[in-house]
């Protein structure tokens, strides 16, 4: 069972993520935060396996919080959950140490697949992220395995999706 920390400045998003994960007992909700500074503190205190984190938050943003957490706890896998699909944000997220980049518009269909991919040592990109951006990040970061929302292997391994 993987422990999951949810970080978003909107309570409705945090509740939505919990609702998506609730039917899957392999994902144990261990805590939540509404900003990057609290995410760093809770990551240290709770030792989650996975963090689902918003990019845009007041104070310390998700990319900077990811950078700090990955420096101090490299075993933690982070998926950034965001509305933003800009190439520069995707690159910045992976440079900071994120292993997944999921658009909020895709979360209901893709969140569990994204978590399975990153816990399995892969990387995950929302299917709506431009393929040239994805390929550039894979090459730059030396990522050997990547999954996306349209990956048939992951769809087979998660028949409920």
Protein backbone atom coordinates (compact mmCIF):
# COMPACT_ATOMS: atom_id res chain seq x y z
CA UNK A 1 0.00 0.00 0.00
CA UNK A 2 1.44 3.34 -1.06
CA UNK A 3 0.97 6.40 1.16
CA UNK A 4 -0.26 9.49 -0.72
CA UNK A 5 0.06 13.15 0.29
CA UNK A 6 -2.21 15.58 -1.58
CA UNK A 7 -1.13 19.22 -1.98
CA UNK A 8 -3.40 21.84 -3.56
CA UNK A 9 -4.52 25.26 -2.41
CA UNK A 10 -8.14 24.40 -3.28
CA UNK A 11 -9.94 22.10 -0.83
CA UNK A 12 -12.35 20.96 -3.57
CA UNK A 13 -9.42 19.61 -5.63
CA UNK A 14 -8.00 17.79 -2.60
CA UNK A 15 -11.41 16.20 -1.95
CA UNK A 16 -11.74 15.30 -5.62
CA UNK A 17 -8.38 13.54 -5.64
CA UNK A 18 -9.37 11.63 -2.50
CA UNK A 19 -12.64 10.61 -4.16
CA UNK A 20 -10.80 9.35 -7.25
CA UNK A 21 -8.42 7.25 -5.12
CA UNK A 22 -11.00 5.99 -2.60
CA UNK A 23 -12.04 2.86 -4.59
CA UNK A 24 -8.40 1.76 -4.87
CA UNK A 25 -7.17 0.31 -1.54
CA UNK A 26 -3.56 0.25 -2.75
CA UNK A 27 -3.48 4.05 -2.34
CA UNK A 28 -3.60 5.17 1.30
CA UNK A 29 -4.33 8.86 1.93
CA UNK A 30 -1.87 10.01 4.60
CA UNK A 31 -2.31 13.79 4.64
CA UNK A 32 -2.92 17.03 2.82
CA UNK A 33 -1.45 20.50 2.53
CA UNK A 34 -2.54 23.71 0.85
CA UNK A 35 0.86 25.23 0.05
CA UNK A 36 4.43 24.30 -0.82
CA UNK A 37 5.92 25.04 2.59
CA UNK A 38 3.44 22.73 4.33
CA UNK A 39 4.07 20.11 1.66
CA UNK A 40 7.78 20.10 2.54
CA UNK A 41 7.02 19.88 6.26
CA UNK A 42 4.46 17.08 5.84
CA UNK A 43 6.64 15.15 3.40
CA UNK A 44 9.32 15.07 6.07
CA UNK A 45 6.91 14.15 8.88
CA UNK A 46 4.66 11.65 7.06
CA UNK A 47 7.17 10.04 4.67
CA UNK A 48 4.67 9.50 1.83
CA UNK A 49 5.53 7.26 -1.11
CA UNK A 50 3.76 9.59 -3.54
CA UNK A 51 2.86 13.28 -3.53
CA UNK A 52 0.19 14.69 -5.82
CA UNK A 53 0.95 18.41 -5.97
CA UNK A 54 -0.50 21.49 -7.65
CA UNK A 55 1.91 23.75 -9.52
CA UNK A 56 0.30 27.13 -8.79
CA UNK A 57 -0.08 27.83 -5.08
CA UNK A 58 0.41 30.93 -2.95
CA UNK A 59 3.81 31.22 -1.34
CA UNK A 60 6.12 28.42 -2.43
CA UNK A 61 4.84 26.91 -5.69
CA UNK A 62 4.68 23.20 -6.49
CA UNK A 63 7.78 23.14 -8.66
CA UNK A 64 9.94 24.74 -5.98
CA UNK A 65 8.46 22.48 -3.29
CA UNK A 66 9.16 19.49 -5.55
CA UNK A 67 12.79 20.59 -5.89
CA UNK A 68 13.23 20.78 -2.10
CA UNK A 69 11.45 17.49 -1.38
CA UNK A 70 13.36 15.59 -4.07
CA UNK A 71 16.65 16.93 -2.71
CA UNK A 72 15.92 15.73 0.83
CA UNK A 73 13.80 12.65 0.03
CA UNK A 74 14.78 11.35 -3.41
CA UNK A 75 12.70 8.19 -2.94
CA UNK A 76 9.43 10.18 -2.93
CA UNK A 77 7.62 10.15 -6.28
CA UNK A 78 5.84 13.40 -7.21
CA UNK A 79 3.10 13.95 -9.76
CA UNK A 80 2.34 17.57 -10.51
CA UNK A 81 -1.38 18.14 -11.05
CA UNK A 82 -2.11 21.38 -12.86
CA UNK A 83 -4.19 23.37 -15.31
CA UNK A 84 -1.05 24.50 -17.18
CA UNK A 85 0.23 22.65 -20.24
CA UNK A 86 3.10 24.97 -21.18
CA UNK A 87 6.26 23.33 -22.45
CA UNK A 88 8.44 25.31 -20.05
CA UNK A 89 6.42 24.23 -17.00
CA UNK A 90 6.60 20.57 -18.05
CA UNK A 91 10.38 20.85 -18.45
CA UNK A 92 10.73 22.74 -15.14
CA UNK A 93 8.66 20.11 -13.34
CA UNK A 94 10.88 17.22 -14.44
CA UNK A 95 14.08 19.20 -13.86
CA UNK A 96 12.87 19.78 -10.29
CA UNK A 97 12.41 16.04 -9.80
CA UNK A 98 8.76 15.36 -10.63
CA UNK A 99 8.06 11.96 -12.19
CA UNK A 100 4.62 12.81 -13.52
CA UNK A 101 2.79 15.76 -15.05
CA UNK A 102 -0.99 15.46 -15.10
CA UNK A 103 -3.48 18.05 -16.27
CA UNK A 104 -6.41 18.57 -13.91
CA UNK A 105 -8.76 18.14 -16.85
CA UNK A 106 -7.42 14.57 -17.23
CA UNK A 107 -7.21 13.64 -13.55
CA UNK A 108 -10.44 11.69 -13.27
CA UNK A 109 -9.46 9.39 -16.14
CA UNK A 110 -5.68 9.27 -15.68
CA UNK A 111 -4.71 9.77 -12.02
CA UNK A 112 -4.49 6.12 -11.02
CA UNK A 113 -2.57 5.26 -14.22
CA UNK A 114 -0.14 8.09 -13.47
CA UNK A 115 0.45 6.80 -9.93
CA UNK A 116 0.98 3.22 -11.13
CA UNK A 117 3.50 4.45 -13.70
CA UNK A 118 5.61 6.54 -11.34
CA UNK A 119 5.60 4.02 -8.50
CA UNK A 120 6.76 1.48 -11.08
CA UNK A 121 9.81 3.70 -11.71
CA UNK A 122 8.41 5.19 -14.90
CA UNK A 123 7.37 8.70 -15.81
CA UNK A 124 3.91 9.93 -16.71
CA UNK A 125 2.67 12.71 -18.98
CA UNK A 126 -0.94 13.69 -19.60
CA UNK A 127 -1.95 12.60 -23.07
CA UNK A 128 -2.74 16.24 -23.94
CA UNK A 129 0.88 17.33 -23.46
CA UNK A 130 2.51 17.99 -26.84
CA UNK A 131 4.45 14.91 -27.95
CA UNK A 132 7.51 16.96 -28.97
CA UNK A 133 7.67 18.39 -25.44
CA UNK A 134 7.37 14.89 -23.95
CA UNK A 135 10.09 13.49 -26.23
CA UNK A 136 12.37 16.44 -25.39
CA UNK A 137 11.93 15.90 -21.64
CA UNK A 138 12.52 12.15 -22.00
CA UNK A 139 15.74 12.78 -23.89
CA UNK A 140 16.97 15.55 -21.57
CA UNK A 141 16.19 13.64 -18.37
CA UNK A 142 17.32 10.23 -19.63
CA UNK A 143 13.94 8.70 -18.83
CA UNK A 144 13.88 5.11 -20.03
CA UNK A 145 10.18 4.35 -19.54
CA UNK A 146 7.30 6.65 -20.10
CA UNK A 147 3.57 6.25 -19.93
CA UNK A 148 0.71 8.45 -21.00
CA UNK A 149 -3.03 8.46 -20.66
CA UNK A 150 -3.32 6.49 -23.89
CA UNK A 151 -0.84 3.73 -22.92
CA UNK A 152 -2.71 0.43 -23.56
CA UNK A 153 -0.50 -1.53 -21.13
CA UNK A 154 -1.59 0.67 -18.26
CA UNK A 155 -5.22 0.50 -19.34
CA UNK A 156 -5.03 -3.28 -19.20
CA UNK A 157 -3.40 -3.27 -15.78
CA UNK A 158 -6.16 -1.02 -14.46
CA UNK A 159 -9.35 -2.49 -15.89
CA UNK A 160 -11.52 -0.21 -13.74
CA UNK A 161 -10.21 2.83 -15.59
